[in-house]
Amino acid sequence: MSSVTVSPKFQVVIPKDVRDRMQLAPGQKMQVISYGDRIELVPVRPVRSMRGFLKGMNTSFERESDRA
């Protein structure tokens, strides 16, 4: 686990091993989420990269009677 220091401008540097593992690039957008006493940074990926992520999903399920 890595630790970082918050600068006087409230900036942090993401450690290189984390940047490499997450394949982050300079200028990449991050979503900032706060949960209680922690902060999560989630990389915003282009919608195009989501193509095919549901491939092979089982779509056979019982529908409600009022649905066609």
PDB file of N, CA and C in Angstrom:
ATOM      1  N   MET A   1       0.852  -1.169   0.000  1.00  0.00           N
ATOM      2  CA  MET A   1       0.000   0.000   0.000  1.00  0.00           C
ATOM      3  C   MET A   1       0.900   1.235   0.000  1.00  0.00           C
ATOM      4  N   SER A   2       0.573   2.180  -0.840  1.00  0.00           N
ATOM      5  CA  SER A   2       1.328   3.418  -0.947  1.00  0.00           C
ATOM      6  C   SER A   2       0.624   4.519  -0.173  1.00  0.00           C
ATOM      7  N   SER A   3       1.411   5.501   0.244  1.00  0.00           N
ATOM      8  CA  SER A   3       0.804   6.673   0.872  1.00  0.00           C
ATOM      9  C   SER A   3       1.249   7.909   0.106  1.00  0.00           C
ATOM     10  N   VAL A   4       0.430   8.944   0.148  1.00  0.00           N
ATOM     11  CA  VAL A   4       0.724  10.186  -0.542  1.00  0.00           C
ATOM     12  C   VAL A   4       0.522  11.340   0.428  1.00  0.00           C
ATOM     13  N   THR A   5       1.056  12.501   0.065  1.00  0.00           N
ATOM     14  CA  THR A   5       0.905  13.704   0.878  1.00  0.00           C
ATOM     15  C   THR A   5       0.092  14.724   0.103  1.00  0.00           C
ATOM     16  N   VAL A   6      -0.824  15.368   0.779  1.00  0.00           N
ATOM     17  CA  VAL A   6      -1.630  16.415   0.157  1.00  0.00           C
ATOM     18  C   VAL A   6      -0.807  17.697   0.178  1.00  0.00           C
ATOM     19  N   SER A   7      -0.654  18.322  -0.994  1.00  0.00           N
ATOM     20  CA  SER A   7       0.130  19.557  -1.101  1.00  0.00           C
ATOM     21  C   SER A   7      -0.671  20.744  -0.571  1.00  0.00           C
ATOM     22  N   PRO A   8      -0.027  21.899  -0.402  1.00  0.00           N
ATOM     23  CA  PRO A   8      -0.760  23.089   0.024  1.00  0.00           C
ATOM     24  C   PRO A   8      -1.891  23.480  -0.939  1.00  0.00           C
ATOM     25  N   LYS A   9      -1.794  23.034  -2.195  1.00  0.00           N
ATOM     26  CA  LYS A   9      -2.845  23.298  -3.184  1.00  0.00           C
ATOM     27  C   LYS A   9      -3.861  22.153  -3.229  1.00  0.00           C
ATOM     28  N   PHE A  10      -3.818  21.268  -2.242  1.00  0.00           N
ATOM     29  CA  PHE A  10      -4.703  20.100  -2.149  1.00  0.00           C
ATOM     30  C   PHE A  10      -4.530  19.148  -3.330  1.00  0.00           C
ATOM     31  N   GLN A  11      -3.310  18.999  -3.818  1.00  0.00           N
ATOM     32  CA  GLN A  11      -3.003  18.073  -4.900  1.00  0.00           C
ATOM     33  C   GLN A  11      -2.298  16.850  -4.332  1.00  0.00           C
ATOM     34  N   VAL A  12      -2.478  15.709  -5.003  1.00  0.00           N
ATOM     35  CA  VAL A  12      -1.760  14.484  -4.651  1.00  0.00           C
ATOM     36  C   VAL A  12      -1.148  13.902  -5.921  1.00  0.00           C
ATOM     37  N   VAL A  13      -0.061  13.170  -5.763  1.00  0.00           N
ATOM     38  CA  VAL A  13       0.575  12.487  -6.888  1.00  0.00           C
ATOM     39  C   VAL A  13       0.279  11.009  -6.749  1.00  0.00           C
ATOM     40  N   ILE A  14      -0.291  10.420  -7.793  1.00  0.00           N
ATOM     41  CA  ILE A  14      -0.582   8.987  -7.786  1.00  0.00           C
ATOM     42  C   ILE A  14       0.740   8.257  -8.016  1.00  0.00           C
ATOM     43  N   PRO A  15       1.112   7.351  -7.118  1.00  0.00           N
ATOM     44  CA  PRO A  15       2.396   6.644  -7.249  1.00  0.00           C
ATOM     45  C   PRO A  15       2.526   5.928  -8.599  1.00  0.00           C
ATOM     46  N   LYS A  16       3.752   5.857  -9.098  1.00  0.00           N
ATOM     47  CA  LYS A  16       4.021   5.292 -10.420  1.00  0.00           C
ATOM     48  C   LYS A  16       3.531   3.856 -10.552  1.00  0.00           C
ATOM     49  N   ASP A  17       3.744   3.025  -9.544  1.00  0.00           N
ATOM     50  CA  ASP A  17       3.290   1.631  -9.661  1.00  0.00           C
ATOM     51  C   ASP A  17       1.777   1.545  -9.812  1.00  0.00           C
ATOM     52  N   VAL A  18       1.042   2.439  -9.174  1.00  0.00           N
ATOM     53  CA  VAL A  18      -0.423   2.468  -9.308  1.00  0.00           C
ATOM     54  C   VAL A  18      -0.811   2.985 -10.689  1.00  0.00           C
ATOM     55  N   ARG A  19      -0.130   4.055 -11.149  1.00  0.00           N
ATOM     56  CA  ARG A  19      -0.417   4.596 -12.494  1.00  0.00           C
ATOM     57  C   ARG A  19      -0.192   3.533 -13.555  1.00  0.00           C
ATOM     58  N   ASP A  20       0.897   2.793 -13.426  1.00  0.00           N
ATOM     59  CA  ASP A  20       1.206   1.748 -14.410  1.00  0.00           C
ATOM     60  C   ASP A  20       0.176   0.625 -14.365  1.00  0.00           C
ATOM     61  N   ARG A  21      -0.176   0.185 -13.163  1.00  0.00           N
ATOM     62  CA  ARG A  21      -1.126  -0.913 -13.005  1.00  0.00           C
ATOM     63  C   ARG A  21      -2.506  -0.537 -13.540  1.00  0.00           C
ATOM     64  N   MET A  22      -2.920   0.713 -13.331  1.00  0.00           N
ATOM     65  CA  MET A  22      -4.239   1.167 -13.765  1.00  0.00           C
ATOM     66  C   MET A  22      -4.226   1.737 -15.180  1.00  0.00           C
ATOM     67  N   GLN A  23      -3.055   1.778 -15.810  1.00  0.00           N
ATOM     68  CA  GLN A  23      -2.879   2.309 -17.169  1.00  0.00           C
ATOM     69  C   GLN A  23      -3.437   3.727 -17.283  1.00  0.00           C
ATOM     70  N   LEU A  24      -3.053   4.585 -16.332  1.00  0.00           N
ATOM     71  CA  LEU A  24      -3.486   5.977 -16.341  1.00  0.00           C
ATOM     72  C   LEU A  24      -2.577   6.797 -17.244  1.00  0.00           C
ATOM     73  N   ALA A  25      -3.151   7.815 -17.856  1.00  0.00           N
ATOM     74  CA  ALA A  25      -2.396   8.684 -18.756  1.00  0.00           C
ATOM     75  C   ALA A  25      -2.539  10.134 -18.289  1.00  0.00           C
ATOM     76  N   PRO A  26      -1.548  10.986 -18.584  1.00  0.00           N
ATOM     77  CA  PRO A  26      -1.664  12.399 -18.212  1.00  0.00           C
ATOM     78  C   PRO A  26      -2.915  13.013 -18.843  1.00  0.00           C
ATOM     79  N   GLY A  27      -3.636  13.800 -18.066  1.00  0.00           N
ATOM     80  CA  GLY A  27      -4.833  14.460 -18.559  1.00  0.00           C
ATOM     81  C   GLY A  27      -6.091  13.611 -18.478  1.00  0.00           C
ATOM     82  N   GLN A  28      -5.949  12.371 -18.027  1.00  0.00           N
ATOM     83  CA  GLN A  28      -7.120  11.487 -17.947  1.00  0.00           C
ATOM     84  C   GLN A  28      -8.066  11.975 -16.857  1.00  0.00           C
ATOM     85  N   LYS A  29      -9.351  11.895 -17.134  1.00  0.00           N
ATOM     86  CA  LYS A  29     -10.374  12.306 -16.179  1.00  0.00           C
ATOM     87  C   LYS A  29     -10.553  11.224 -15.114  1.00  0.00           C
ATOM     88  N   MET A  30     -10.807  11.669 -13.874  1.00  0.00           N
ATOM     89  CA  MET A  30     -11.052  10.765 -12.759  1.00  0.00           C
ATOM     90  C   MET A  30     -12.337  11.200 -12.079  1.00  0.00           C
ATOM     91  N   GLN A  31     -13.127  10.246 -11.670  1.00  0.00           N
ATOM     92  CA  GLN A  31     -14.327  10.529 -10.897  1.00  0.00           C
ATOM     93  C   GLN A  31     -13.925  10.448  -9.429  1.00  0.00           C
ATOM     94  N   VAL A  32     -14.300  11.444  -8.627  1.00  0.00           N
ATOM     95  CA  VAL A  32     -13.948  11.488  -7.211  1.00  0.00           C
ATOM     96  C   VAL A  32     -15.196  11.188  -6.399  1.00  0.00           C
ATOM     97  N   ILE A  33     -15.100  10.143  -5.579  1.00  0.00           N
ATOM     98  CA  ILE A  33     -16.235   9.715  -4.773  1.00  0.00           C
ATOM     99  C   ILE A  33     -15.800   9.688  -3.314  1.00  0.00           C
ATOM    100  N   SER A  34     -16.602  10.283  -2.434  1.00  0.00           N
ATOM    101  CA  SER A  34     -16.281  10.216  -1.002  1.00  0.00           C
ATOM    102  C   SER A  34     -17.288   9.310  -0.320  1.00  0.00           C
ATOM    103  N   TYR A  35     -16.769   8.379   0.445  1.00  0.00           N
ATOM    104  CA  TYR A  35     -17.573   7.442   1.237  1.00  0.00           C
ATOM    105  C   TYR A  35     -17.138   7.596   2.688  1.00  0.00           C
ATOM    106  N   GLY A  36     -17.943   8.276   3.471  1.00  0.00           N
ATOM    107  CA  GLY A  36     -17.615   8.438   4.885  1.00  0.00           C
ATOM    108  C   GLY A  36     -16.258   9.088   5.074  1.00  0.00           C
ATOM    109  N   ASP A  37     -15.286   8.315   5.545  1.00  0.00           N
ATOM    110  CA  ASP A  37     -13.954   8.862   5.826  1.00  0.00           C
ATOM    111  C   ASP A  37     -12.907   8.481   4.785  1.00  0.00           C
ATOM    112  N   ARG A  38     -13.331   8.122   3.573  1.00  0.00           N
ATOM    113  CA  ARG A  38     -12.358   7.774   2.530  1.00  0.00           C
ATOM    114  C   ARG A  38     -12.738   8.416   1.203  1.00  0.00           C
ATOM    115  N   ILE A  39     -11.748   8.526   0.327  1.00  0.00           N
ATOM    116  CA  ILE A  39     -11.926   9.105  -1.003  1.00  0.00           C
ATOM    117  C   ILE A  39     -11.510   8.053  -2.027  1.00  0.00           C
ATOM    118  N   GLU A  40     -12.323   7.875  -3.063  1.00  0.00           N
ATOM    119  CA  GLU A  40     -11.980   6.950  -4.139  1.00  0.00           C
ATOM    120  C   GLU A  40     -11.856   7.716  -5.442  1.00  0.00           C
ATOM    121  N   LEU A  41     -10.824   7.400  -6.209  1.00  0.00           N
ATOM    122  CA  LEU A  41     -10.616   7.971  -7.537  1.00  0.00           C
ATOM    123  C   LEU A  41     -10.882   6.861  -8.546  1.00  0.00           C
ATOM    124  N   VAL A  42     -11.857   7.081  -9.403  1.00  0.00           N
ATOM    125  CA  VAL A  42     -12.232   6.075 -10.396  1.00  0.00           C
ATOM    126  C   VAL A  42     -11.954   6.635 -11.779  1.00  0.00           C
ATOM    127  N   PRO A  43     -11.099   5.963 -12.566  1.00  0.00           N
ATOM    128  CA  PRO A  43     -10.818   6.456 -13.915  1.00  0.00           C
ATOM    129  C   PRO A  43     -12.076   6.450 -14.772  1.00  0.00           C
ATOM    130  N   VAL A  44     -12.288   7.538 -15.500  1.00  0.00           N
ATOM    131  CA  VAL A  44     -13.412   7.627 -16.434  1.00  0.00           C
ATOM    132  C   VAL A  44     -12.920   7.049 -17.749  1.00  0.00           C
ATOM    133  N   ARG A  45     -13.529   5.966 -18.163  1.00  0.00           N
ATOM    134  CA  ARG A  45     -13.142   5.288 -19.401  1.00  0.00           C
ATOM    135  C   ARG A  45     -14.106   5.683 -20.515  1.00  0.00           C
ATOM    136  N   PRO A  46     -13.642   5.750 -21.747  1.00  0.00           N
ATOM    137  CA  PRO A  46     -14.536   6.065 -22.858  1.00  0.00           C
ATOM    138  C   PRO A  46     -15.594   4.975 -23.031  1.00  0.00           C
ATOM    139  N   VAL A  47     -16.785   5.377 -23.442  1.00  0.00           N
ATOM    140  CA  VAL A  47     -17.876   4.426 -23.643  1.00  0.00           C
ATOM    141  C   VAL A  47     -17.458   3.362 -24.645  1.00  0.00           C
ATOM    142  N   ARG A  48     -16.673   3.735 -25.623  1.00  0.00           N
ATOM    143  CA  ARG A  48     -16.226   2.786 -26.651  1.00  0.00           C
ATOM    144  C   ARG A  48     -15.488   1.597 -26.031  1.00  0.00           C
ATOM    145  N   SER A  49     -14.781   1.818 -24.922  1.00  0.00           N
ATOM    146  CA  SER A  49     -14.042   0.721 -24.292  1.00  0.00           C
ATOM    147  C   SER A  49     -14.974  -0.277 -23.615  1.00  0.00           C
ATOM    148  N   MET A  50     -16.253   0.084 -23.437  1.00  0.00           N
ATOM    149  CA  MET A  50     -17.227  -0.803 -22.810  1.00  0.00           C
ATOM    150  C   MET A  50     -17.827  -1.787 -23.818  1.00  0.00           C
ATOM    151  N   ARG A  51     -17.556  -1.583 -25.087  1.00  0.00           N
ATOM    152  CA  ARG A  51     -18.152  -2.418 -26.127  1.00  0.00           C
ATOM    153  C   ARG A  51     -17.823  -3.895 -25.888  1.00  0.00           C
ATOM    154  N   GLY A  52     -18.884  -4.701 -25.840  1.00  0.00           N
ATOM    155  CA  GLY A  52     -18.710  -6.140 -25.707  1.00  0.00           C
ATOM    156  C   GLY A  52     -18.530  -6.642 -24.285  1.00  0.00           C
ATOM    157  N   PHE A  53     -18.622  -5.778 -23.269  1.00  0.00           N
ATOM    158  CA  PHE A  53     -18.355  -6.258 -21.918  1.00  0.00           C
ATOM    159  C   PHE A  53     -19.452  -7.174 -21.372  1.00  0.00           C
ATOM    160  N   LEU A  54     -20.617  -7.199 -22.011  1.00  0.00           N
ATOM    161  CA  LEU A  54     -21.691  -8.100 -21.592  1.00  0.00           C
ATOM    162  C   LEU A  54     -21.760  -9.355 -22.461  1.00  0.00           C
ATOM    163  N   LYS A  55     -20.787  -9.537 -23.327  1.00  0.00           N
ATOM    164  CA  LYS A  55     -20.784 -10.682 -24.229  1.00  0.00           C
ATOM    165  C   LYS A  55     -20.819 -11.984 -23.416  1.00  0.00           C
ATOM    166  N   GLY A  56     -21.714 -12.865 -23.797  1.00  0.00           N
ATOM    167  CA  GLY A  56     -21.828 -14.154 -23.123  1.00  0.00           C
ATOM    168  C   GLY A  56     -22.764 -14.126 -21.921  1.00  0.00           C
ATOM    169  N   MET A  57     -23.393 -12.992 -21.662  1.00  0.00           N
ATOM    170  CA  MET A  57     -24.313 -12.879 -20.529  1.00  0.00           C
ATOM    171  C   MET A  57     -25.568 -13.720 -20.786  1.00  0.00           C
ATOM    172  N   ASN A  58     -26.037 -14.404 -19.762  1.00  0.00           N
ATOM    173  CA  ASN A  58     -27.236 -15.221 -19.882  1.00  0.00           C
ATOM    174  C   ASN A  58     -28.455 -14.303 -19.894  1.00  0.00           C
ATOM    175  N   THR A  59     -29.189 -14.289 -20.992  1.00  0.00           N
ATOM    176  CA  THR A  59     -30.359 -13.416 -21.121  1.00  0.00           C
ATOM    177  C   THR A  59     -31.664 -14.192 -21.012  1.00  0.00           C
ATOM    178  N   SER A  60     -31.588 -15.468 -20.677  1.00  0.00           N
ATOM    179  CA  SER A  60     -32.818 -16.253 -20.557  1.00  0.00           C
ATOM    180  C   SER A  60     -33.325 -16.170 -19.117  1.00  0.00           C
ATOM    181  N   PHE A  61     -34.387 -15.427 -18.951  1.00  0.00           N
ATOM    182  CA  PHE A  61     -35.011 -15.294 -17.640  1.00  0.00           C
ATOM    183  C   PHE A  61     -36.509 -15.143 -17.844  1.00  0.00           C
ATOM    184  N   GLU A  62     -37.270 -15.415 -16.815  1.00  0.00           N
ATOM    185  CA  GLU A  62     -38.725 -15.339 -16.908  1.00  0.00           C
ATOM    186  C   GLU A  62     -39.168 -13.895 -16.825  1.00  0.00           C
ATOM    187  N   ARG A  63     -39.922 -13.451 -17.831  1.00  0.00           N
ATOM    188  CA  ARG A  63     -40.432 -12.082 -17.854  1.00  0.00           C
ATOM    189  C   ARG A  63     -41.728 -11.989 -17.081  1.00  0.00           C
ATOM    190  N   GLU A  64     -42.029 -10.799 -16.620  1.00  0.00           N
ATOM    191  CA  GLU A  64     -43.304 -10.567 -15.953  1.00  0.00           C
ATOM    192  C   GLU A  64     -44.417 -10.691 -16.991  1.00  0.00           C
ATOM    193  N   SER A  65     -45.610 -11.092 -16.560  1.00  0.00           N
ATOM    194  CA  SER A  65     -46.704 -11.369 -17.496  1.00  0.00           C
ATOM    195  C   SER A  65     -47.161 -10.140 -18.275  1.00  0.00           C
ATOM    196  N   ASP A  66     -46.975  -8.939 -17.728  1.00  0.00           N
ATOM    197  CA  ASP A  66     -47.425  -7.725 -18.431  1.00  0.00           C
ATOM    198  C   ASP A  66     -46.377  -7.183 -19.391  1.00  0.00           C
ATOM    199  N   ARG A  67     -45.244  -7.865 -19.535  1.00  0.00           N
ATOM    200  CA  ARG A  67     -44.174  -7.429 -20.460  1.00  0.00           C
ATOM    201  C   ARG A  67     -44.196  -8.276 -21.705  1.00  0.00           C
ATOM    202  N   ALA A  68     -43.932  -7.666 -22.837  1.00  0.00           N
ATOM    203  CA  ALA A  68     -43.930  -8.417 -24.091  1.00  0.00           C
ATOM    204  C   ALA A  68     -42.584  -9.014 -24.374  1.00  0.00           C
TER     205      ALA A  68
END
